[in-house]
Amino acid sequence: MLQQPSRKCVEMPDMSSAMKEVTVQLPKKHDRPDEPWHHYLSIDVLWYVLGYTLFHPFVSWVVVLCLRAQYTPYGNPEMRIAIAWSILMSAIGIFSIISDRIAFGSPREVDLADEVIVITGGVEGLGGLLAETYGMRNANIAVLDTKVVDEDEAEEKGVLYYQCDVSDVKQVEAAAAKIVEDLGAPTILINNAGLVHKKSILETSIEEVEQTFRVNTLSHFITLRTFLPHMLREGRGTIVTVSSVLGHLGAANLSAYTASKAALLALHHSLRAELAQIPEAAEIKTILVTPGQMSTKMFADVKPPSNFFAPTATPAEIAKNIIKLVERGESGEVAIPLYSQYIGFFSILPVGIQHIVRRWSGLDTAVSKSLPSKMATSEEKVDPVE
């Protein structure tokens, strides 16, 4: 008779004590606004879909091939229309490529391991998203911001934070020297810092106007004068200027902000013109960012005039397009939502039509509706630097 081997009880370790407890808070449905489906339908979504279907050259020629596969004669009206449409879409695509090459030149080679990225106002908002994205990719990233970031948090994000007021020349120069020592010569500059005072012209003090221009506009001159010489010595670089579509339009109760952003539009074009005259700047690219309203703290209390024609842009959408141009080594423009790309046509409309469009869009009443009262304190109207 076979004897069964004896079984010994092995004491297993207490898994509850061996495993590290991680607190996870899942998003709840009631934490998000319950919006109807059509709230998320916008002209941007429709344009995106059309861009990859009806207006795409490849898809247009696929339709021609499908018709031919059905033995549709070339002389039939539907075949002629399909071929003409495909030729038109192809011509527009080729023209766009040639136009961009004439305007911006050939792209430069970009290897993140060899680049040093500097972002102003990179703790929160769009700048914070860009910094964290590059940090996750182990890029050499330095952030200049007045906000203080804990060392553990900075190490976790893989970002070096330098507490610095970008409107102060001495602080920027001191931070630049430290960046060169820690990471190397800066080759990518993203000028993103900004603030807003939501007040009328009569309510805005001269000190607030000066503060707005120092942070939103003067800081660009300071950072350019500080970091551009490093790019010229390296023979490569990318400069990103974050302006706003309101720089083209202006808006009630945002006079200082819109004026400071309008100045950045002229600064960007002047910078491009000057770089074109410097042989050492042939590989220095420039990117202009003119977003519409973004879903950040700066304009969180402002309701967009129309969710369909003027949807709120997310920082992720804008950051994705900035990163794409930067890493392709290309110059260009980032304008989101769709109306931001064609806002230049607004200025050539008859003034009467412009007036009607402004009233219909609610552009000049959007901010005033978000203010608690005309006598609100400045703390209620001033958003932090982003």
Protein backbone atom coordinates (compact mmCIF):
# COMPACT_ATOMS: atom_id res chain seq x y z
CA MET A 1 0.00 0.00 0.00
CA LEU A 2 1.40 3.31 -1.07
CA GLN A 3 1.94 5.84 1.63
CA GLN A 4 0.91 9.37 0.81
CA PRO A 5 3.66 11.90 1.37
CA SER A 6 3.13 14.06 4.37
CA ARG A 7 1.95 17.58 3.69
CA LYS A 8 3.39 20.37 5.71
CA CYS A 9 1.53 23.58 6.14
CA VAL A 10 3.61 26.49 4.92
CA GLU A 11 2.78 29.77 6.58
CA MET A 12 2.21 32.39 3.90
CA PRO A 13 3.25 35.96 4.57
CA ASP A 14 0.58 38.44 5.39
CA MET A 15 -0.09 39.98 1.98
CA SER A 16 -1.95 42.89 3.49
CA SER A 17 1.16 43.99 5.33
CA ALA A 18 3.55 43.22 2.44
CA MET A 19 1.67 45.21 -0.19
CA LYS A 20 1.86 48.95 -0.27
CA GLU A 21 -1.49 50.61 0.07
CA VAL A 22 -2.24 53.07 -2.70
CA THR A 23 -5.12 55.46 -2.34
CA VAL A 24 -7.01 55.83 -5.59
CA GLN A 25 -9.97 58.11 -6.03
CA LEU A 26 -11.87 57.27 -9.17
CA PRO A 27 -13.81 60.02 -10.91
CA LYS A 28 -17.51 60.01 -10.15
CA LYS A 29 -20.17 60.66 -12.70
CA HIS A 30 -21.74 63.40 -10.64
CA ASP A 31 -18.39 65.22 -10.49
CA ARG A 32 -18.70 66.04 -14.19
CA PRO A 33 -21.43 68.26 -15.59
CA ASP A 34 -24.17 66.26 -17.25
CA GLU A 35 -24.14 67.90 -20.67
CA PRO A 36 -26.30 66.79 -23.62
CA TRP A 37 -24.52 65.12 -26.53
CA HIS A 38 -24.86 68.15 -28.78
CA HIS A 39 -22.86 70.21 -26.28
CA TYR A 40 -19.73 68.45 -27.55
CA LEU A 41 -20.62 68.94 -31.21
CA SER A 42 -18.76 71.90 -32.67
CA ILE A 43 -17.63 73.26 -36.00
CA ASP A 44 -14.12 72.15 -35.06
CA VAL A 45 -15.27 68.52 -34.80
CA LEU A 46 -17.05 68.71 -38.15
CA TRP A 47 -14.03 70.34 -39.80
CA TYR A 48 -11.74 67.67 -38.35
CA VAL A 49 -13.91 64.87 -39.72
CA LEU A 50 -14.19 66.52 -43.15
CA GLY A 51 -10.42 67.05 -43.22
CA TYR A 52 -9.87 63.30 -43.03
CA THR A 53 -12.69 62.37 -45.39
CA LEU A 54 -14.19 64.65 -48.02
CA PHE A 55 -11.32 67.16 -48.07
CA HIS A 56 -8.48 64.63 -47.90
CA PRO A 57 -6.65 64.01 -51.22
CA PHE A 58 -6.07 60.30 -50.53
CA VAL A 59 -9.75 59.65 -49.75
CA SER A 60 -10.78 61.64 -52.82
CA TRP A 61 -8.71 59.42 -55.09
CA VAL A 62 -10.06 56.31 -53.33
CA VAL A 63 -13.54 57.39 -54.46
CA VAL A 64 -12.24 57.62 -58.04
CA LEU A 65 -10.76 54.12 -57.78
CA CYS A 66 -14.00 52.77 -56.35
CA LEU A 67 -15.98 54.22 -59.25
CA ARG A 68 -13.50 52.78 -61.72
CA ALA A 69 -13.72 49.40 -59.98
CA GLN A 70 -17.42 49.45 -60.86
CA TYR A 71 -16.46 50.03 -64.51
CA THR A 72 -17.80 53.57 -64.44
CA PRO A 73 -16.80 55.21 -67.74
CA TYR A 74 -14.51 58.25 -67.51
CA GLY A 75 -17.06 60.27 -69.41
CA ASN A 76 -19.82 59.83 -66.85
CA PRO A 77 -20.68 62.96 -64.82
CA GLU A 78 -19.99 61.29 -61.44
CA MET A 79 -16.55 60.17 -62.59
CA ARG A 80 -15.69 63.61 -63.95
CA ILE A 81 -16.81 65.27 -60.71
CA ALA A 82 -14.81 62.81 -58.59
CA ILE A 83 -11.65 63.29 -60.66
CA ALA A 84 -11.99 67.08 -60.67
CA TRP A 85 -12.52 67.09 -56.89
CA SER A 86 -9.49 64.84 -56.35
CA ILE A 87 -7.29 67.08 -58.50
CA LEU A 88 -8.50 70.15 -56.60
CA MET A 89 -7.81 68.60 -53.18
CA SER A 90 -4.38 67.43 -54.31
CA ALA A 91 -3.53 70.86 -55.70
CA ILE A 92 -4.56 72.56 -52.44
CA GLY A 93 -2.46 70.10 -50.43
CA ILE A 94 0.62 70.62 -52.62
CA PHE A 95 0.14 74.39 -52.56
CA SER A 96 0.00 74.34 -48.73
CA ILE A 97 3.24 72.37 -48.53
CA ILE A 98 5.02 74.73 -50.93
CA SER A 99 3.62 77.79 -49.13
CA ASP A 100 4.86 76.57 -45.74
CA ARG A 101 8.29 75.77 -47.15
CA ILE A 102 8.58 79.26 -48.68
CA ALA A 103 7.42 80.95 -45.49
CA PHE A 104 9.22 78.85 -42.88
CA GLY A 105 12.05 77.11 -44.72
CA SER A 106 13.16 73.53 -44.25
CA PRO A 107 12.83 71.95 -40.78
CA ARG A 108 15.79 71.45 -38.47
CA GLU A 109 16.75 68.17 -36.85
CA VAL A 110 15.55 67.86 -33.26
CA ASP A 111 16.80 65.29 -30.75
CA LEU A 112 15.31 65.85 -27.30
CA ALA A 113 18.41 64.38 -25.68
CA ASP A 114 20.44 67.29 -27.11
CA GLU A 115 17.88 70.02 -26.44
CA VAL A 116 17.41 72.16 -23.34
CA ILE A 117 13.85 73.43 -23.00
CA VAL A 118 12.93 76.55 -21.01
CA ILE A 119 9.26 77.28 -20.24
CA THR A 120 8.05 80.44 -18.55
CA GLY A 121 4.94 80.12 -16.39
CA GLY A 122 5.29 76.36 -16.46
CA VAL A 123 3.77 75.35 -13.12
CA GLU A 124 0.09 75.40 -14.09
CA GLY A 125 -2.09 75.62 -17.16
CA LEU A 126 -0.69 75.15 -20.64
CA GLY A 127 2.90 75.65 -19.50
CA GLY A 128 2.50 73.10 -16.73
CA LEU A 129 1.14 70.51 -19.16
CA LEU A 130 4.04 71.09 -21.56
CA ALA A 131 6.59 70.82 -18.75
CA GLU A 132 5.13 67.60 -17.35
CA THR A 133 4.87 66.06 -20.82
CA TYR A 134 8.52 66.72 -21.59
CA GLY A 135 9.45 65.65 -18.06
CA MET A 136 7.83 62.25 -18.60
CA ARG A 137 9.93 61.88 -21.74
CA ASN A 138 13.16 62.56 -19.83
CA ALA A 139 13.85 65.79 -21.70
CA ASN A 140 16.08 68.50 -20.24
CA ILE A 141 13.35 70.83 -19.03
CA ALA A 142 13.61 74.01 -16.94
CA VAL A 143 10.63 76.04 -15.74
CA LEU A 144 10.70 79.70 -14.71
CA ASP A 145 7.79 80.64 -12.48
CA THR A 146 7.04 82.68 -9.39
CA LYS A 147 5.28 79.71 -7.81
CA VAL A 148 7.28 77.35 -5.59
CA VAL A 149 7.24 73.62 -6.35
CA ASP A 150 8.16 71.01 -3.77
CA GLU A 151 11.44 69.20 -4.47
CA ASP A 152 9.81 65.78 -4.27
CA GLU A 153 7.12 66.83 -6.74
CA ALA A 154 9.73 68.30 -9.09
CA GLU A 155 11.79 65.11 -8.96
CA GLU A 156 8.70 63.00 -9.62
CA LYS A 157 7.83 65.08 -12.68
CA GLY A 158 11.42 65.15 -13.94
CA VAL A 159 11.42 68.94 -14.19
CA LEU A 160 13.80 71.54 -12.78
CA TYR A 161 11.90 74.51 -11.36
CA TYR A 162 13.54 77.90 -10.87
CA GLN A 163 11.59 80.42 -8.83
CA CYS A 164 11.87 83.52 -10.95
CA ASP A 165 9.90 86.62 -11.88
CA VAL A 166 10.26 86.68 -15.66
CA SER A 167 9.57 90.42 -15.73
CA ASP A 168 12.76 91.05 -13.72
CA VAL A 169 15.95 91.17 -15.80
CA LYS A 170 18.33 90.25 -13.00
CA GLN A 171 16.26 87.27 -11.87
CA VAL A 172 16.01 85.91 -15.41
CA GLU A 173 19.74 86.33 -16.02
CA ALA A 174 20.55 84.59 -12.73
CA ALA A 175 18.18 81.72 -13.58
CA ALA A 176 19.67 81.43 -17.06
CA ALA A 177 23.18 81.09 -15.64
CA LYS A 178 21.95 78.33 -13.33
CA ILE A 179 20.19 76.54 -16.20
CA VAL A 180 23.34 76.58 -18.32
CA GLU A 181 25.27 75.15 -15.35
CA ASP A 182 22.67 72.46 -14.59
CA LEU A 183 21.46 71.43 -18.05
CA GLY A 184 23.46 73.21 -20.73
CA ALA A 185 22.75 75.93 -23.27
CA PRO A 186 18.99 76.49 -23.81
CA THR A 187 17.84 75.71 -27.34
CA ILE A 188 14.04 75.77 -27.00
CA LEU A 189 12.25 78.72 -25.38
CA ILE A 190 8.50 78.62 -24.75
CA ASN A 191 7.32 82.06 -23.62
CA ASN A 192 4.04 81.18 -21.92
CA ALA A 193 3.81 83.28 -18.73
CA GLY A 194 0.84 85.59 -18.49
CA LEU A 195 -1.78 87.13 -16.23
CA VAL A 196 -5.06 88.97 -16.66
CA HIS A 197 -6.95 91.73 -14.82
CA LYS A 198 -10.65 91.45 -15.63
CA LYS A 199 -11.49 95.12 -15.29
CA SER A 200 -12.66 97.97 -17.45
CA ILE A 201 -10.22 100.67 -18.53
CA LEU A 202 -11.53 103.08 -15.89
CA GLU A 203 -11.30 100.50 -13.10
CA THR A 204 -7.81 99.25 -14.01
CA SER A 205 -5.06 101.06 -12.15
CA ILE A 206 -1.83 102.12 -13.83
CA GLU A 207 0.04 99.68 -11.57
CA GLU A 208 -2.12 96.81 -12.86
CA VAL A 209 -1.60 97.85 -16.47
CA GLU A 210 2.14 98.02 -15.91
CA GLN A 211 2.13 94.61 -14.19
CA THR A 212 0.20 93.08 -17.09
CA PHE A 213 2.60 94.42 -19.70
CA ARG A 214 5.66 93.47 -17.68
CA VAL A 215 4.55 89.84 -17.35
CA ASN A 216 2.76 89.37 -20.69
CA THR A 217 4.99 91.42 -23.00
CA LEU A 218 8.19 92.75 -21.45
CA SER A 219 9.11 89.26 -20.21
CA HIS A 220 9.37 88.12 -23.84
CA PHE A 221 11.95 90.81 -24.57
CA ILE A 222 13.88 89.83 -21.45
CA THR A 223 13.92 86.10 -22.18
CA LEU A 224 14.78 86.66 -25.84
CA ARG A 225 17.72 88.89 -24.96
CA THR A 226 18.84 86.31 -22.39
CA PHE A 227 18.40 82.99 -24.22
CA LEU A 228 18.65 83.88 -27.92
CA PRO A 229 22.45 84.42 -27.76
CA HIS A 230 22.82 80.81 -26.57
CA MET A 231 20.80 79.59 -29.56
CA LEU A 232 22.92 81.65 -31.96
CA ARG A 233 26.09 80.15 -30.53
CA GLU A 234 24.60 76.65 -30.81
CA GLY A 235 23.39 77.38 -34.33
CA ARG A 236 19.91 75.98 -33.64
CA GLY A 237 16.82 76.67 -31.60
CA THR A 238 13.05 77.10 -31.41
CA ILE A 239 11.17 80.06 -29.95
CA VAL A 240 7.49 79.70 -29.08
CA THR A 241 5.44 82.86 -28.51
CA VAL A 242 2.12 82.30 -26.76
CA SER A 243 -0.22 85.16 -27.64
CA SER A 244 -4.02 85.09 -27.90
CA VAL A 245 -6.72 85.44 -30.50
CA LEU A 246 -7.93 88.41 -28.42
CA GLY A 247 -4.80 90.21 -29.57
CA HIS A 248 -6.54 90.47 -32.96
CA LEU A 249 -9.96 91.37 -31.59
CA GLY A 250 -9.74 93.18 -28.28
CA ALA A 251 -12.55 92.72 -25.76
CA ALA A 252 -14.41 94.72 -23.14
CA ASN A 253 -13.03 94.47 -19.59
CA LEU A 254 -9.79 92.94 -20.90
CA SER A 255 -8.10 96.02 -22.29
CA ALA A 256 -4.69 95.56 -20.65
CA TYR A 257 -4.59 91.84 -21.42
CA THR A 258 -5.63 92.15 -25.06
CA ALA A 259 -3.25 95.07 -25.67
CA SER A 260 -0.34 93.12 -24.20
CA LYS A 261 -1.18 90.09 -26.37
CA ALA A 262 -1.54 92.26 -29.47
CA ALA A 263 1.99 93.53 -28.86
CA LEU A 264 3.21 89.92 -28.96
CA LEU A 265 1.83 89.49 -32.48
CA ALA A 266 3.98 92.35 -33.71
CA LEU A 267 6.94 91.13 -31.66
CA HIS A 268 6.74 87.68 -33.25
CA HIS A 269 6.78 89.06 -36.80
CA SER A 270 9.61 91.45 -35.95
CA LEU A 271 11.59 88.58 -34.45
CA ARG A 272 11.13 86.50 -37.60
CA ALA A 273 12.27 89.41 -39.75
CA GLU A 274 15.39 89.98 -37.66
CA LEU A 275 16.33 86.30 -37.54
CA ALA A 276 16.06 86.15 -41.34
CA GLN A 277 18.87 88.72 -41.52
CA ILE A 278 21.25 86.75 -39.27
CA PRO A 279 23.17 83.92 -41.00
CA GLU A 280 23.71 82.10 -37.68
CA ALA A 281 19.93 82.00 -37.15
CA ALA A 282 19.15 79.84 -40.19
CA GLU A 283 18.31 76.89 -37.91
CA ILE A 284 16.30 78.89 -35.35
CA LYS A 285 12.59 78.27 -35.76
CA THR A 286 9.68 80.37 -34.51
CA ILE A 287 6.16 79.31 -33.53
CA LEU A 288 3.25 81.67 -32.87
CA VAL A 289 0.41 80.38 -30.67
CA THR A 290 -2.90 82.27 -30.82
CA PRO A 291 -5.45 80.18 -28.91
CA GLY A 292 -9.02 81.07 -28.23
CA GLN A 293 -10.47 80.63 -24.78
CA MET A 294 -8.74 77.79 -22.91
CA SER A 295 -10.13 75.71 -20.07
CA THR A 296 -7.59 76.96 -17.52
CA LYS A 297 -7.89 78.93 -14.29
CA MET A 298 -7.28 82.19 -16.11
CA PHE A 299 -10.69 82.17 -17.83
CA ALA A 300 -12.47 79.43 -15.92
CA ASP A 301 -15.35 81.74 -14.97
CA VAL A 302 -15.95 82.99 -18.52
CA LYS A 303 -18.62 81.18 -20.51
CA PRO A 304 -17.86 80.94 -24.25
CA PRO A 305 -20.37 82.81 -26.46
CA SER A 306 -21.11 79.69 -28.52
CA ASN A 307 -20.13 76.09 -27.87
CA PHE A 308 -20.61 75.30 -31.55
CA PHE A 309 -18.77 78.17 -33.27
CA ALA A 310 -16.37 79.06 -30.44
CA PRO A 311 -15.75 75.99 -28.29
CA THR A 312 -13.37 76.16 -25.34
CA ALA A 313 -9.96 74.76 -26.27
CA THR A 314 -8.23 72.39 -23.88
CA PRO A 315 -4.56 72.83 -22.95
CA ALA A 316 -3.98 69.27 -24.21
CA GLU A 317 -5.08 70.19 -27.75
CA ILE A 318 -2.83 73.22 -27.89
CA ALA A 319 0.11 71.47 -26.21
CA LYS A 320 -0.14 68.59 -28.70
CA ASN A 321 0.19 70.95 -31.65
CA ILE A 322 3.05 72.90 -30.07
CA ILE A 323 4.97 69.71 -29.32
CA LYS A 324 4.39 68.42 -32.85
CA LEU A 325 5.90 71.54 -34.45
CA VAL A 326 8.77 71.73 -31.95
CA GLU A 327 9.80 68.12 -32.43
CA ARG A 328 9.47 68.27 -36.19
CA GLY A 329 11.86 71.22 -36.09
CA GLU A 330 9.40 73.39 -37.97
CA SER A 331 8.26 76.98 -37.73
CA GLY A 332 4.56 77.63 -37.90
CA GLU A 333 1.42 78.80 -36.16
CA VAL A 334 -0.92 77.09 -33.70
CA ALA A 335 -4.44 78.52 -33.78
CA ILE A 336 -7.18 76.63 -31.94
CA PRO A 337 -10.25 76.58 -32.12
CA LEU A 338 -10.98 76.81 -35.85
CA TYR A 339 -12.11 80.44 -35.85
CA SER A 340 -8.67 81.44 -34.56
CA GLN A 341 -7.14 80.36 -37.87
CA TYR A 342 -9.35 82.67 -39.92
CA ILE A 343 -9.70 85.61 -37.56
CA GLY A 344 -7.64 87.75 -39.94
CA PHE A 345 -10.59 87.82 -42.35
CA PHE A 346 -12.67 89.54 -39.66
CA SER A 347 -10.70 92.78 -40.03
CA ILE A 348 -11.45 93.06 -43.76
CA LEU A 349 -15.21 92.83 -43.28
CA PRO A 350 -17.23 96.05 -43.50
CA VAL A 351 -17.32 97.77 -40.14
CA GLY A 352 -21.07 97.33 -39.91
CA ILE A 353 -20.74 93.57 -40.36
CA GLN A 354 -17.95 93.52 -37.76
CA HIS A 355 -20.23 95.32 -35.29
CA ILE A 356 -23.05 92.83 -35.89
CA VAL A 357 -20.72 89.85 -35.48
CA ARG A 358 -19.32 91.22 -32.21
CA ARG A 359 -22.80 91.75 -30.80
CA TRP A 360 -24.05 88.38 -32.01
CA SER A 361 -21.03 86.50 -30.63
CA GLY A 362 -21.27 88.10 -27.18
CA LEU A 363 -17.53 88.81 -27.27
CA ASP A 364 -17.78 92.08 -25.35
CA THR A 365 -20.21 90.82 -22.70
CA ALA A 366 -18.65 87.43 -21.90
CA VAL A 367 -16.27 88.80 -19.27
CA SER A 368 -18.66 91.32 -17.74
CA LYS A 369 -21.16 88.52 -17.07
CA SER A 370 -18.52 86.61 -15.11
CA LEU A 371 -17.70 89.54 -12.80
CA PRO A 372 -19.56 89.54 -9.47
CA SER A 373 -20.03 93.31 -9.50
CA LYS A 374 -18.38 96.50 -10.72
CA MET A 375 -17.02 97.12 -7.26
CA ALA A 376 -15.41 93.68 -6.91
CA THR A 377 -12.01 93.65 -5.32
CA SER A 378 -8.89 93.12 -7.40
CA GLU A 379 -8.31 89.73 -5.73
CA GLU A 380 -11.57 88.54 -7.29
CA LYS A 381 -10.56 89.76 -10.73
CA VAL A 382 -6.90 88.88 -10.97
CA ASP A 383 -5.94 85.41 -12.12
CA PRO A 384 -2.56 83.92 -11.27
CA VAL A 385 0.31 83.77 -13.69
CA GLU A 386 0.19 80.73 -15.99
